[in-house]
PDB file of N, CA and C in Angstrom:
ATOM      1  N   UNK A   1     104.846 117.106  57.282  1.00  0.00           N
ATOM      2  CA  UNK A   1     105.270 116.541  58.552  1.00  0.00           C
ATOM      3  C   UNK A   1     105.432 117.707  59.826  1.00  0.00           C
ATOM      4  N   UNK A   2     106.057 118.712  59.015  1.00  0.00           N
ATOM      5  CA  UNK A   2     106.535 119.914  59.857  1.00  0.00           C
ATOM      6  C   UNK A   2     105.216 120.617  60.608  1.00  0.00           C
ATOM      7  N   UNK A   3     104.101 120.635  59.656  1.00  0.00           N
ATOM      8  CA  UNK A   3     102.876 121.228  60.487  1.00  0.00           C
ATOM      9  C   UNK A   3     102.399 120.329  61.374  1.00  0.00           C
ATOM     10  N   UNK A   4     102.389 118.903  61.280  1.00  0.00           N
ATOM     11  CA  UNK A   4     101.640 118.127  62.257  1.00  0.00           C
ATOM     12  C   UNK A   4     102.512 118.246  63.861  1.00  0.00           C
ATOM     13  N   UNK A   5     103.914 118.345  63.366  1.00  0.00           N
ATOM     14  CA  UNK A   5     104.577 118.720  64.647  1.00  0.00           C
ATOM     15  C   UNK A   5     104.184 120.037  65.180  1.00  0.00           C
ATOM     16  N   UNK A   6     104.253 120.938  64.423  1.00  0.00           N
ATOM     17  CA  UNK A   6     103.786 122.134  65.033  1.00  0.00           C
ATOM     18  C   UNK A   6     102.488 122.312  65.430  1.00  0.00           C
ATOM     19  N   UNK A   7     101.390 121.583  65.052  1.00  0.00           N
ATOM     20  CA  UNK A   7      99.984 121.337  65.717  1.00  0.00           C
ATOM     21  C   UNK A   7     100.454 120.925  66.974  1.00  0.00           C
ATOM     22  N   UNK A   8     100.746 119.858  67.096  1.00  0.00           N
ATOM     23  CA  UNK A   8     101.117 119.122  68.331  1.00  0.00           C
ATOM     24  C   UNK A   8     101.767 120.072  69.291  1.00  0.00           C
ATOM     25  N   UNK A   9     102.672 120.834  68.800  1.00  0.00           N
ATOM     26  CA  UNK A   9     103.329 121.635  69.923  1.00  0.00           C
ATOM     27  C   UNK A   9     102.436 122.758  70.660  1.00  0.00           C
ATOM     28  N   UNK A  10     101.536 123.400  69.226  1.00  0.00           N
ATOM     29  CA  UNK A  10     100.668 124.325  69.758  1.00  0.00           C
ATOM     30  C   UNK A  10      99.283 123.856  70.683  1.00  0.00           C
ATOM     31  N   UNK A  11      98.953 122.325  70.496  1.00  0.00           N
ATOM     32  CA  UNK A  11      97.843 122.148  71.169  1.00  0.00           C
ATOM     33  C   UNK A  11      98.528 121.735  72.712  1.00  0.00           C
ATOM     34  N   UNK A  12      99.811 121.293  72.824  1.00  0.00           N
ATOM     35  CA  UNK A  12     100.458 121.235  74.013  1.00  0.00           C
ATOM     36  C   UNK A  12     100.340 122.308  74.831  1.00  0.00           C
ATOM     37  N   UNK A  13     101.483 123.437  74.230  1.00  0.00           N
ATOM     38  CA  UNK A  13     101.130 124.802  75.170  1.00  0.00           C
ATOM     39  C   UNK A  13      99.716 125.118  75.275  1.00  0.00           C
ATOM     40  N   UNK A  14      98.809 125.091  74.410  1.00  0.00           N
ATOM     41  CA  UNK A  14      97.529 125.569  74.778  1.00  0.00           C
ATOM     42  C   UNK A  14      97.101 124.717  76.245  1.00  0.00           C
ATOM     43  N   UNK A  15      97.050 123.326  75.626  1.00  0.00           N
ATOM     44  CA  UNK A  15      96.435 122.669  77.023  1.00  0.00           C
ATOM     45  C   UNK A  15      97.067 122.818  78.214  1.00  0.00           C
ATOM     46  N   UNK A  16      98.743 123.069  78.116  1.00  0.00           N
ATOM     47  CA  UNK A  16      99.507 123.389  79.399  1.00  0.00           C
ATOM     48  C   UNK A  16      98.951 124.763  80.050  1.00  0.00           C
ATOM     49  N   UNK A  17      98.861 126.169  79.203  1.00  0.00           N
ATOM     50  CA  UNK A  17      98.337 127.092  79.475  1.00  0.00           C
ATOM     51  C   UNK A  17      97.203 127.021  80.136  1.00  0.00           C
ATOM     52  N   UNK A  18      96.119 126.274  79.724  1.00  0.00           N
ATOM     53  CA  UNK A  18      94.740 126.430  80.353  1.00  0.00           C
ATOM     54  C   UNK A  18      94.595 125.774  81.543  1.00  0.00           C
ATOM     55  N   UNK A  19      95.593 124.140  81.954  1.00  0.00           N
ATOM     56  CA  UNK A  19      95.719 123.581  83.211  1.00  0.00           C
ATOM     57  C   UNK A  19      96.194 124.796  84.317  1.00  0.00           C
ATOM     58  N   UNK A  20      97.259 125.599  83.579  1.00  0.00           N
ATOM     59  CA  UNK A  20      98.224 126.586  84.444  1.00  0.00           C
ATOM     60  C   UNK A  20      97.057 127.511  84.838  1.00  0.00           C
ATOM     61  N   UNK A  21      96.316 128.091  84.201  1.00  0.00           N
ATOM     62  CA  UNK A  21      95.385 129.110  84.549  1.00  0.00           C
ATOM     63  C   UNK A  21      94.237 128.683  85.299  1.00  0.00           C
ATOM     64  N   UNK A  22      93.758 127.545  85.289  1.00  0.00           N
ATOM     65  CA  UNK A  22      92.902 126.902  85.962  1.00  0.00           C
ATOM     66  C   UNK A  22      93.369 126.598  87.473  1.00  0.00           C
ATOM     67  N   UNK A  23      94.775 126.303  87.682  1.00  0.00           N
ATOM     68  CA  UNK A  23      95.330 126.013  88.719  1.00  0.00           C
ATOM     69  C   UNK A  23      95.589 127.504  89.532  1.00  0.00           C
ATOM     70  N   UNK A  24      95.970 128.472  88.684  1.00  0.00           N
ATOM     71  CA  UNK A  24      95.915 129.745  89.474  1.00  0.00           C
ATOM     72  C   UNK A  24      94.560 130.179  89.892  1.00  0.00           C
ATOM     73  N   UNK A  25      93.521 130.216  89.078  1.00  0.00           N
ATOM     74  CA  UNK A  25      92.313 130.684  89.806  1.00  0.00           C
ATOM     75  C   UNK A  25      92.118 129.777  90.653  1.00  0.00           C
ATOM     76  N   UNK A  26      92.157 128.328  91.002  1.00  0.00           N
ATOM     77  CA  UNK A  26      91.789 127.611  92.044  1.00  0.00           C
ATOM     78  C   UNK A  26      92.348 127.883  93.121  1.00  0.00           C
ATOM     79  N   UNK A  27      93.912 128.324  93.471  1.00  0.00           N
ATOM     80  CA  UNK A  27      94.498 128.977  94.204  1.00  0.00           C
ATOM     81  C   UNK A  27      93.988 130.059  94.722  1.00  0.00           C
ATOM     82  N   UNK A  28      93.580 131.144  93.896  1.00  0.00           N
ATOM     83  CA  UNK A  28      93.060 132.507  94.123  1.00  0.00           C
ATOM     84  C   UNK A  28      91.628 132.167  94.947  1.00  0.00           C
ATOM     85  N   UNK A  29      90.720 131.252  94.320  1.00  0.00           N
ATOM     86  CA  UNK A  29      89.461 130.965  95.214  1.00  0.00           C
ATOM     87  C   UNK A  29      89.733 130.587  96.321  1.00  0.00           C
ATOM     88  N   UNK A  30      90.716 129.364  96.563  1.00  0.00           N
ATOM     89  CA  UNK A  30      91.023 128.809  97.753  1.00  0.00           C
ATOM     90  C   UNK A  30      91.470 129.734  99.018  1.00  0.00           C
ATOM     91  N   UNK A  31      92.144 131.048  98.322  1.00  0.00           N
ATOM     92  CA  UNK A  31      92.820 131.818  99.245  1.00  0.00           C
ATOM     93  C   UNK A  31      91.460 132.908  99.412  1.00  0.00           C
ATOM     94  N   UNK A  32      90.743 133.016  98.692  1.00  0.00           N
ATOM     95  CA  UNK A  32      89.443 133.938  98.999  1.00  0.00           C
ATOM     96  C   UNK A  32      88.354 133.540 100.152  1.00  0.00           C
ATOM     97  N   UNK A  33      88.184 132.165  99.627  1.00  0.00           N
ATOM     98  CA  UNK A  33      87.521 131.405 100.727  1.00  0.00           C
ATOM     99  C   UNK A  33      87.816 131.431 101.935  1.00  0.00           C
ATOM    100  N   UNK A  34      89.300 131.242 102.246  1.00  0.00           N
ATOM    101  CA  UNK A  34      89.982 131.017 103.414  1.00  0.00           C
ATOM    102  C   UNK A  34      90.033 132.496 104.206  1.00  0.00           C
ATOM    103  N   UNK A  35      90.003 133.769 103.362  1.00  0.00           N
ATOM    104  CA  UNK A  35      89.949 135.264 103.997  1.00  0.00           C
ATOM    105  C   UNK A  35      88.599 135.159 104.534  1.00  0.00           C
ATOM    106  N   UNK A  36      87.868 134.692 103.764  1.00  0.00           N
ATOM    107  CA  UNK A  36      86.108 134.923 104.118  1.00  0.00           C
ATOM    108  C   UNK A  36      85.644 134.295 105.058  1.00  0.00           C
ATOM    109  N   UNK A  37      86.157 133.061 105.405  1.00  0.00           N
ATOM    110  CA  UNK A  37      85.984 132.190 106.494  1.00  0.00           C
ATOM    111  C   UNK A  37      86.557 133.038 107.937  1.00  0.00           C
ATOM    112  N   UNK A  38      87.773 133.226 107.881  1.00  0.00           N
ATOM    113  CA  UNK A  38      88.629 133.619 108.730  1.00  0.00           C
ATOM    114  C   UNK A  38      88.015 135.059 109.276  1.00  0.00           C
ATOM    115  N   UNK A  39      87.357 135.752 108.179  1.00  0.00           N
ATOM    116  CA  UNK A  39      86.988 137.105 108.528  1.00  0.00           C
ATOM    117  C   UNK A  39      85.662 137.287 109.067  1.00  0.00           C
ATOM    118  N   UNK A  40      84.674 136.522 108.582  1.00  0.00           N
ATOM    119  CA  UNK A  40      83.304 136.439 109.110  1.00  0.00           C
ATOM    120  C   UNK A  40      82.892 135.021 110.311  1.00  0.00           C
ATOM    121  N   UNK A  41      83.654 134.328 110.182  1.00  0.00           N
ATOM    122  CA  UNK A  41      83.649 133.080 111.100  1.00  0.00           C
ATOM    123  C   UNK A  41      84.572 132.903 112.098  1.00  0.00           C
ATOM    124  N   UNK A  42      84.953 133.377 112.822  1.00  0.00           N
ATOM    125  CA  UNK A  42      86.583 133.158 113.377  1.00  0.00           C
ATOM    126  C   UNK A  42      86.468 132.203 114.277  1.00  0.00           C
ATOM    127  N   UNK A  43      87.416 131.657 114.757  1.00  0.00           N
ATOM    128  CA  UNK A  43      87.641 130.294 115.223  1.00  0.00           C
ATOM    129  C   UNK A  43      87.463 131.107 117.051  1.00  0.00           C
ATOM    130  N   UNK A  44      86.754 130.270 117.863  1.00  0.00           N
ATOM    131  CA  UNK A  44      86.563 130.656 119.046  1.00  0.00           C
ATOM    132  C   UNK A  44      87.867 130.230 120.026  1.00  0.00           C
ATOM    133  N   UNK A  45      88.326 131.253 120.912  1.00  0.00           N
ATOM    134  CA  UNK A  45      89.439 131.300 121.505  1.00  0.00           C
ATOM    135  C   UNK A  45      89.265 130.278 122.659  1.00  0.00           C
ATOM    136  N   UNK A  46      89.904 129.244 122.899  1.00  0.00           N
ATOM    137  CA  UNK A  46      89.557 128.096 124.061  1.00  0.00           C
ATOM    138  C   UNK A  46      90.169 128.969 125.254  1.00  0.00           C
ATOM    139  N   UNK A  47      89.157 128.481 126.316  1.00  0.00           N
ATOM    140  CA  UNK A  47      89.621 128.893 127.230  1.00  0.00           C
ATOM    141  C   UNK A  47      90.372 128.125 128.311  1.00  0.00           C
ATOM    142  N   UNK A  48      91.482 128.380 128.898  1.00  0.00           N
ATOM    143  CA  UNK A  48      92.237 127.464 129.306  1.00  0.00           C
ATOM    144  C   UNK A  48      91.121 126.858 130.778  1.00  0.00           C
ATOM    145  N   UNK A  49      91.457 125.735 130.915  1.00  0.00           N
ATOM    146  CA  UNK A  49      90.724 124.845 132.065  1.00  0.00           C
ATOM    147  C   UNK A  49      91.483 124.651 133.166  1.00  0.00           C
ATOM    148  N   UNK A  50      91.488 125.397 134.387  1.00  0.00           N
ATOM    149  CA  UNK A  50      92.431 125.464 135.709  1.00  0.00           C
ATOM    150  C   UNK A  50      92.096 123.818 136.094  1.00  0.00           C
ATOM    151  N   UNK A  51      93.084 123.096 136.104  1.00  0.00           N
ATOM    152  CA  UNK A  51      92.846 121.648 136.936  1.00  0.00           C
ATOM    153  C   UNK A  51      93.307 121.501 137.906  1.00  0.00           C
ATOM    154  N   UNK A  52      93.128 121.271 139.043  1.00  0.00           N
ATOM    155  CA  UNK A  52      93.349 120.968 140.305  1.00  0.00           C
ATOM    156  C   UNK A  52      94.563 120.112 140.418  1.00  0.00           C
ATOM    157  N   UNK A  53      95.589 120.796 141.272  1.00  0.00           N
ATOM    158  CA  UNK A  53      97.045 120.191 141.357  1.00  0.00           C
ATOM    159  C   UNK A  53      96.900 118.830 142.018  1.00  0.00           C
ATOM    160  N   UNK A  54      97.523 117.947 141.627  1.00  0.00           N
ATOM    161  CA  UNK A  54      97.254 116.422 142.208  1.00  0.00           C
ATOM    162  C   UNK A  54      97.999 116.950 143.656  1.00  0.00           C
ATOM    163  N   UNK A  55      97.317 116.188 144.702  1.00  0.00           N
ATOM    164  CA  UNK A  55      97.852 116.123 146.104  1.00  0.00           C
ATOM    165  C   UNK A  55      98.119 114.823 146.415  1.00  0.00           C
ATOM    166  N   UNK A  56      99.393 114.675 146.750  1.00  0.00           N
ATOM    167  CA  UNK A  56      99.597 113.080 147.484  1.00  0.00           C
ATOM    168  C   UNK A  56      98.983 112.942 148.428  1.00  0.00           C
ATOM    169  N   UNK A  57      98.017 112.056 148.595  1.00  0.00           N
ATOM    170  CA  UNK A  57      97.241 111.657 149.891  1.00  0.00           C
ATOM    171  C   UNK A  57      97.867 110.531 150.480  1.00  0.00           C
ATOM    172  N   UNK A  58      97.427 110.314 151.598  1.00  0.00           N
ATOM    173  CA  UNK A  58      98.074 109.024 152.483  1.00  0.00           C
ATOM    174  C   UNK A  58      98.164 107.967 151.555  1.00  0.00           C
ATOM    175  N   UNK A  59      99.028 107.177 151.843  1.00  0.00           N
ATOM    176  CA  UNK A  59      99.078 105.742 150.953  1.00  0.00           C
ATOM    177  C   UNK A  59      97.688 104.963 151.176  1.00  0.00           C
ATOM    178  N   UNK A  60      97.128 104.221 150.284  1.00  0.00           N
ATOM    179  CA  UNK A  60      95.793 103.461 150.389  1.00  0.00           C
ATOM    180  C   UNK A  60      96.235 102.474 151.242  1.00  0.00           C
ATOM    181  N   UNK A  61      95.564 101.929 152.465  1.00  0.00           N
ATOM    182  CA  UNK A  61      95.949 100.773 152.818  1.00  0.00           C
ATOM    183  C   UNK A  61      95.561  99.289 152.127  1.00  0.00           C
ATOM    184  N   UNK A  62      96.211  98.393 151.822  1.00  0.00           N
ATOM    185  CA  UNK A  62      96.095  97.205 151.242  1.00  0.00           C
ATOM    186  C   UNK A  62      95.673  95.985 152.162  1.00  0.00           C
ATOM    187  N   UNK A  63      94.518  95.500 151.889  1.00  0.00           N
ATOM    188  CA  UNK A  63      94.571  94.361 152.740  1.00  0.00           C
ATOM    189  C   UNK A  63      95.386  93.031 152.825  1.00  0.00           C
ATOM    190  N   UNK A  64      95.504  92.356 153.987  1.00  0.00           N
ATOM    191  CA  UNK A  64      96.532  91.213 153.917  1.00  0.00           C
ATOM    192  C   UNK A  64      96.594  90.280 153.187  1.00  0.00           C
ATOM    193  N   UNK A  65      95.214  90.070 152.397  1.00  0.00           N
ATOM    194  CA  UNK A  65      95.258  88.861 151.269  1.00  0.00           C
ATOM    195  C   UNK A  65      95.857  89.538 150.059  1.00  0.00           C
ATOM    196  N   UNK A  66      95.313  90.520 149.642  1.00  0.00           N
ATOM    197  CA  UNK A  66      96.261  91.413 148.289  1.00  0.00           C
ATOM    198  C   UNK A  66      97.601  91.572 148.561  1.00  0.00           C
ATOM    199  N   UNK A  67      98.348  92.000 149.744  1.00  0.00           N
ATOM    200  CA  UNK A  67      99.531  91.962 150.035  1.00  0.00           C
ATOM    201  C   UNK A  67     100.375  90.685 149.791  1.00  0.00           C
ATOM    202  N   UNK A  68      99.736  89.390 150.480  1.00  0.00           N
ATOM    203  CA  UNK A  68     100.265  88.314 150.179  1.00  0.00           C
ATOM    204  C   UNK A  68     100.270  87.989 148.824  1.00  0.00           C
ATOM    205  N   UNK A  69      99.604  88.168 148.130  1.00  0.00           N
ATOM    206  CA  UNK A  69      99.495  87.472 146.383  1.00  0.00           C
ATOM    207  C   UNK A  69     100.351  88.637 145.799  1.00  0.00           C
ATOM    208  N   UNK A  70     100.441  89.725 146.197  1.00  0.00           N
ATOM    209  CA  UNK A  70     101.785  90.433 145.468  1.00  0.00           C
ATOM    210  C   UNK A  70     102.994  89.990 145.986  1.00  0.00           C
ATOM    211  N   UNK A  71     103.178  89.676 147.146  1.00  0.00           N
ATOM    212  CA  UNK A  71     104.383  89.324 147.663  1.00  0.00           C
ATOM    213  C   UNK A  71     104.828  87.920 147.089  1.00  0.00           C
ATOM    214  N   UNK A  72     103.797  86.759 146.874  1.00  0.00           N
ATOM    215  CA  UNK A  72     103.988  85.900 146.041  1.00  0.00           C
ATOM    216  C   UNK A  72     104.108  85.893 144.656  1.00  0.00           C
ATOM    217  N   UNK A  73     103.528  86.856 143.953  1.00  0.00           N
ATOM    218  CA  UNK A  73     103.897  86.845 142.360  1.00  0.00           C
ATOM    219  C   UNK A  73     105.324  87.102 142.419  1.00  0.00           C
ATOM    220  N   UNK A  74     105.607  88.602 143.171  1.00  0.00           N
ATOM    221  CA  UNK A  74     107.145  89.002 143.160  1.00  0.00           C
ATOM    222  C   UNK A  74     108.064  87.754 143.296  1.00  0.00           C
ATOM    223  N   UNK A  75     107.921  87.026 144.196  1.00  0.00           N
ATOM    224  CA  UNK A  75     108.654  85.672 144.357  1.00  0.00           C
ATOM    225  C   UNK A  75     108.725  84.919 143.540  1.00  0.00           C
ATOM    226  N   UNK A  76     107.629  84.516 142.623  1.00  0.00           N
ATOM    227  CA  UNK A  76     107.590  83.827 141.738  1.00  0.00           C
ATOM    228  C   UNK A  76     108.480  84.201 140.438  1.00  0.00           C
ATOM    229  N   UNK A  77     108.332  85.548 140.317  1.00  0.00           N
ATOM    230  CA  UNK A  77     108.995  86.172 139.205  1.00  0.00           C
ATOM    231  C   UNK A  77     110.436  86.213 139.270  1.00  0.00           C
ATOM    232  N   UNK A  78     110.827  86.389 140.594  1.00  0.00           N
ATOM    233  CA  UNK A  78     112.417  86.355 140.920  1.00  0.00           C
ATOM    234  C   UNK A  78     112.872  85.220 140.921  1.00  0.00           C
ATOM    235  N   UNK A  79     112.225  84.234 141.008  1.00  0.00           N
ATOM    236  CA  UNK A  79     112.420  82.617 140.846  1.00  0.00           C
ATOM    237  C   UNK A  79     112.895  82.180 139.573  1.00  0.00           C
ATOM    238  N   UNK A  80     111.969  82.745 138.869  1.00  0.00           N
ATOM    239  CA  UNK A  80     112.061  82.167 137.377  1.00  0.00           C
ATOM    240  C   UNK A  80     112.832  83.026 136.604  1.00  0.00           C
ATOM    241  N   UNK A  81     113.363  84.512 136.904  1.00  0.00           N
ATOM    242  CA  UNK A  81     114.339  85.144 136.188  1.00  0.00           C
ATOM    243  C   UNK A  81     115.614  84.843 136.692  1.00  0.00           C
ATOM    244  N   UNK A  82     115.837  84.229 138.175  1.00  0.00           N
ATOM    245  CA  UNK A  82     117.020  83.771 138.429  1.00  0.00           C
ATOM    246  C   UNK A  82     117.787  84.882 139.358  1.00  0.00           C
ATOM    247  N   UNK A  83     116.559  85.728 139.860  1.00  0.00           N
ATOM    248  CA  UNK A  83     117.408  86.932 140.815  1.00  0.00           C
ATOM    249  C   UNK A  83     116.751  86.789 142.264  1.00  0.00           C
ATOM    250  N   UNK A  84     116.702  85.501 142.456  1.00  0.00           N
ATOM    251  CA  UNK A  84     116.186  85.477 143.908  1.00  0.00           C
ATOM    252  C   UNK A  84     116.339  85.033 145.050  1.00  0.00           C
TER     253      UNK A  84
END
């Protein structure tokens, strides 16, 4: 029974060692690829685009029909909510 337990422990340690070594190599390769891409294919620096500042223009004229519809809608809303 002692040898079976010892073999299981050895197998576990070897398996964990192999997985740990693989992960170390994987991290190294990822870092190497990242360095390579950043070195030979750098990201282009974006040029800031200047947008024109918003200027407040004269108020847009609203025709009489639209104005009446808006006023009626406000009146109905206030009547329903009891503010009116």
